[in-house]
Amino acid sequence: MNTHQINISAAVYQNPTIVSVLIQHLVIGCTERSQDKCHIGITYYAVPLLIIENYYRLLNGTREKSGIEKFVGKFISAKKTDLLVKLNEEAGKYQTLTSQSIFLGLKCNLFALDETRSFLYCRPEDFRPRHGVSLSISGKTRNAKKLGIWLRGVTPTEAIALLSLGAA
């Protein structure tokens, strides 16, 4: 892949419409088999993991059954802890995109905000498979759901601490 292709790819994922679909799959992963909800703060860390290539490669290369701890461990074993330390900064850079994507997802009923306005959730009808997701983002939606599944078992504070090595 040449630099021009990478820039086009990066620009595609700067689109709130696409990111709202990724957030939807993250929320589905968090809520599909349990009564858990996805803390809205988690989405700000998840978006960079899903759209920045250095993070995404490690996410994509980690099996769903491995869990969040193994995923974080890959950064350590690959001597890429600088990426985890930098995740807090990346979350800040993508804050506007994430906020716009959450707003759009709420407006389009991709997910809902609970009564405390702190958690996102999907209704059971949202779990039905949908056709028409572009092949160019289907891998990212699978990985968004995988990340949501991993985050289902940890508190928001634990997740943010794990993902940013306590920088949050």
Protein backbone atom coordinates (compact mmCIF):
# COMPACT_ATOMS: atom_id res chain seq x y z
CA MET A 1 0.00 0.00 0.00
CA ASN A 2 1.51 3.33 -1.00
CA THR A 3 1.34 6.61 0.95
CA HIS A 4 -1.49 7.95 -1.22
CA GLN A 5 -3.61 4.86 -0.47
CA ILE A 6 -2.89 5.18 3.26
CA ASN A 7 -3.94 8.85 3.22
CA ILE A 8 -7.17 8.02 1.39
CA SER A 9 -7.84 5.17 3.82
CA ALA A 10 -7.20 7.43 6.82
CA ALA A 11 -9.50 10.10 5.37
CA VAL A 12 -12.31 7.57 4.93
CA TYR A 13 -12.17 6.70 8.62
CA GLN A 14 -12.33 10.38 9.60
CA ASN A 15 -16.00 10.28 8.55
CA PRO A 16 -18.54 10.42 11.43
CA THR A 17 -20.93 8.22 9.46
CA ILE A 18 -18.44 5.36 9.29
CA VAL A 19 -17.20 5.88 12.84
CA SER A 20 -20.80 5.83 14.15
CA VAL A 21 -21.19 2.35 12.60
CA LEU A 22 -17.94 1.25 14.28
CA ILE A 23 -19.24 2.59 17.60
CA GLN A 24 -22.50 0.71 17.06
CA HIS A 25 -20.56 -2.56 16.71
CA LEU A 26 -18.50 -1.71 19.80
CA VAL A 27 -21.74 -1.18 21.74
CA ILE A 28 -23.23 -4.40 20.35
CA GLY A 29 -20.13 -6.27 21.53
CA CYS A 30 -20.52 -4.78 25.01
CA THR A 31 -24.23 -5.47 25.29
CA GLU A 32 -25.17 -8.40 23.06
CA ARG A 33 -25.06 -11.26 25.55
CA SER A 34 -25.51 -9.39 28.78
CA GLN A 35 -27.28 -6.49 30.42
CA ASP A 36 -24.06 -4.48 30.34
CA LYS A 37 -23.89 -1.11 28.66
CA CYS A 38 -20.94 0.63 27.06
CA HIS A 39 -19.64 3.61 29.02
CA ILE A 40 -19.58 6.58 26.70
CA GLY A 41 -16.01 7.42 27.80
CA ILE A 42 -14.75 4.09 26.43
CA THR A 43 -15.72 5.12 22.91
CA TYR A 44 -13.15 7.92 22.99
CA TYR A 45 -10.39 5.33 23.50
CA ALA A 46 -11.91 2.76 21.15
CA VAL A 47 -12.10 5.05 18.10
CA PRO A 48 -8.32 5.55 17.79
CA LEU A 49 -7.81 1.81 18.31
CA LEU A 50 -10.12 1.15 15.39
CA ILE A 51 -8.95 3.77 12.90
CA ILE A 52 -5.23 4.32 13.51
CA GLU A 53 -3.29 1.66 11.63
CA ASN A 54 -0.62 0.96 14.31
CA TYR A 55 -3.30 0.16 16.88
CA TYR A 56 -5.61 -1.56 14.47
CA ARG A 57 -2.97 -4.05 13.30
CA LEU A 58 -2.49 -5.31 16.86
CA LEU A 59 -6.25 -5.36 17.48
CA ASN A 60 -6.87 -7.26 14.26
CA GLY A 61 -4.12 -9.74 15.11
CA THR A 62 -5.57 -10.60 18.53
CA ARG A 63 -8.16 -13.35 18.76
CA GLU A 64 -11.51 -12.57 20.32
CA LYS A 65 -11.03 -15.29 22.95
CA SER A 66 -7.74 -13.72 24.07
CA GLY A 67 -9.32 -10.78 25.87
CA ILE A 68 -8.30 -7.25 26.61
CA GLU A 69 -5.33 -8.21 28.79
CA LYS A 70 -3.71 -10.24 25.98
CA PHE A 71 -4.36 -7.37 23.57
CA VAL A 72 -2.59 -4.93 25.90
CA GLY A 73 0.15 -7.52 26.41
CA LYS A 74 0.84 -7.50 22.66
CA PHE A 75 1.92 -3.87 22.91
CA ILE A 76 4.36 -4.81 25.63
CA SER A 77 5.74 -7.90 23.87
CA ALA A 78 6.07 -6.00 20.59
CA LYS A 79 7.90 -3.22 22.45
CA LYS A 80 5.20 -0.74 21.44
CA THR A 81 4.24 0.51 24.88
CA ASP A 82 4.76 4.03 23.54
CA LEU A 83 1.56 3.52 21.54
CA LEU A 84 -0.42 2.72 24.68
CA VAL A 85 1.05 5.70 26.48
CA LYS A 86 0.12 7.84 23.47
CA LEU A 87 -3.47 6.50 23.35
CA ASN A 88 -4.69 9.14 25.80
CA GLU A 89 -3.32 11.84 23.49
CA GLU A 90 -4.86 10.15 20.43
CA ALA A 91 -8.23 9.99 22.19
CA GLY A 92 -7.99 13.75 22.63
CA LYS A 93 -7.15 14.27 18.96
CA TYR A 94 -10.18 12.25 17.90
CA GLN A 95 -12.53 13.72 20.50
CA THR A 96 -14.47 15.86 18.01
CA LEU A 97 -14.82 13.00 15.52
CA THR A 98 -15.96 10.64 18.28
CA SER A 99 -18.48 13.18 19.64
CA GLN A 100 -19.88 13.83 16.16
CA SER A 101 -20.11 10.08 15.54
CA ILE A 102 -21.93 9.45 18.82
CA PHE A 103 -24.37 12.27 18.04
CA LEU A 104 -24.98 10.89 14.55
CA GLY A 105 -25.40 7.33 15.85
CA LEU A 106 -27.95 8.53 18.39
CA LYS A 107 -29.84 10.52 15.74
CA CYS A 108 -29.91 7.51 13.40
CA ASN A 109 -30.92 5.11 16.20
CA LEU A 110 -27.80 2.98 15.79
CA PHE A 111 -27.61 2.94 19.60
CA ALA A 112 -29.23 4.78 22.50
CA LEU A 113 -28.14 6.70 25.57
CA ASP A 114 -29.40 5.45 28.92
CA GLU A 115 -31.21 7.57 31.47
CA THR A 116 -27.96 8.56 33.22
CA ARG A 117 -26.58 9.82 29.89
CA SER A 118 -23.34 7.96 30.67
CA PHE A 119 -23.86 4.65 28.88
CA LEU A 120 -24.66 3.58 25.34
CA TYR A 121 -26.70 0.47 24.63
CA CYS A 122 -28.40 -1.30 21.74
CA ARG A 123 -31.87 -2.71 21.73
CA PRO A 124 -32.20 -6.46 20.97
CA GLU A 125 -33.49 -5.71 17.46
CA ASP A 126 -30.15 -3.97 16.76
CA PHE A 127 -28.34 -7.31 17.08
CA ARG A 128 -29.83 -8.74 13.91
CA PRO A 129 -27.27 -9.05 11.14
CA ARG A 130 -27.50 -6.28 8.60
CA HIS A 131 -26.60 -6.51 4.98
CA GLY A 132 -24.88 -3.80 3.07
CA VAL A 133 -21.84 -3.04 5.24
CA SER A 134 -19.08 -2.28 2.81
CA LEU A 135 -16.33 -4.87 2.64
CA SER A 136 -13.85 -2.05 3.18
CA ILE A 137 -15.11 -1.58 6.76
CA SER A 138 -16.43 -5.06 7.59
CA GLY A 139 -13.10 -6.03 9.19
CA LYS A 140 -13.22 -2.91 11.32
CA THR A 141 -16.80 -3.61 12.40
CA ARG A 142 -15.80 -7.17 13.41
CA ASN A 143 -12.90 -5.78 15.42
CA ALA A 144 -15.11 -3.09 16.98
CA LYS A 145 -17.47 -5.81 18.19
CA LYS A 146 -14.51 -7.87 19.45
CA LEU A 147 -13.23 -4.88 21.42
CA GLY A 148 -16.72 -4.41 22.87
CA ILE A 149 -16.82 -8.05 23.94
CA TRP A 150 -13.49 -7.63 25.71
CA LEU A 151 -14.65 -4.47 27.45
CA ARG A 152 -17.82 -6.17 28.66
CA GLY A 153 -15.93 -7.79 31.51
CA VAL A 154 -14.17 -4.72 32.93
CA THR A 155 -15.32 -1.50 34.52
CA PRO A 156 -14.88 1.74 32.56
CA THR A 157 -12.10 2.80 34.94
CA GLU A 158 -10.26 -0.51 34.50
CA ALA A 159 -10.64 -0.36 30.72
CA ILE A 160 -9.28 3.16 30.46
CA ALA A 161 -6.42 2.32 32.81
CA LEU A 162 -5.56 -0.81 30.81
CA LEU A 163 -5.76 0.92 27.45
CA SER A 164 -3.76 3.96 28.39
CA LEU A 165 -1.43 2.44 30.97
CA GLY A 166 -3.06 4.63 33.61
CA ALA A 167 -2.61 7.88 31.69
CA ALA A 168 -6.34 8.66 31.83
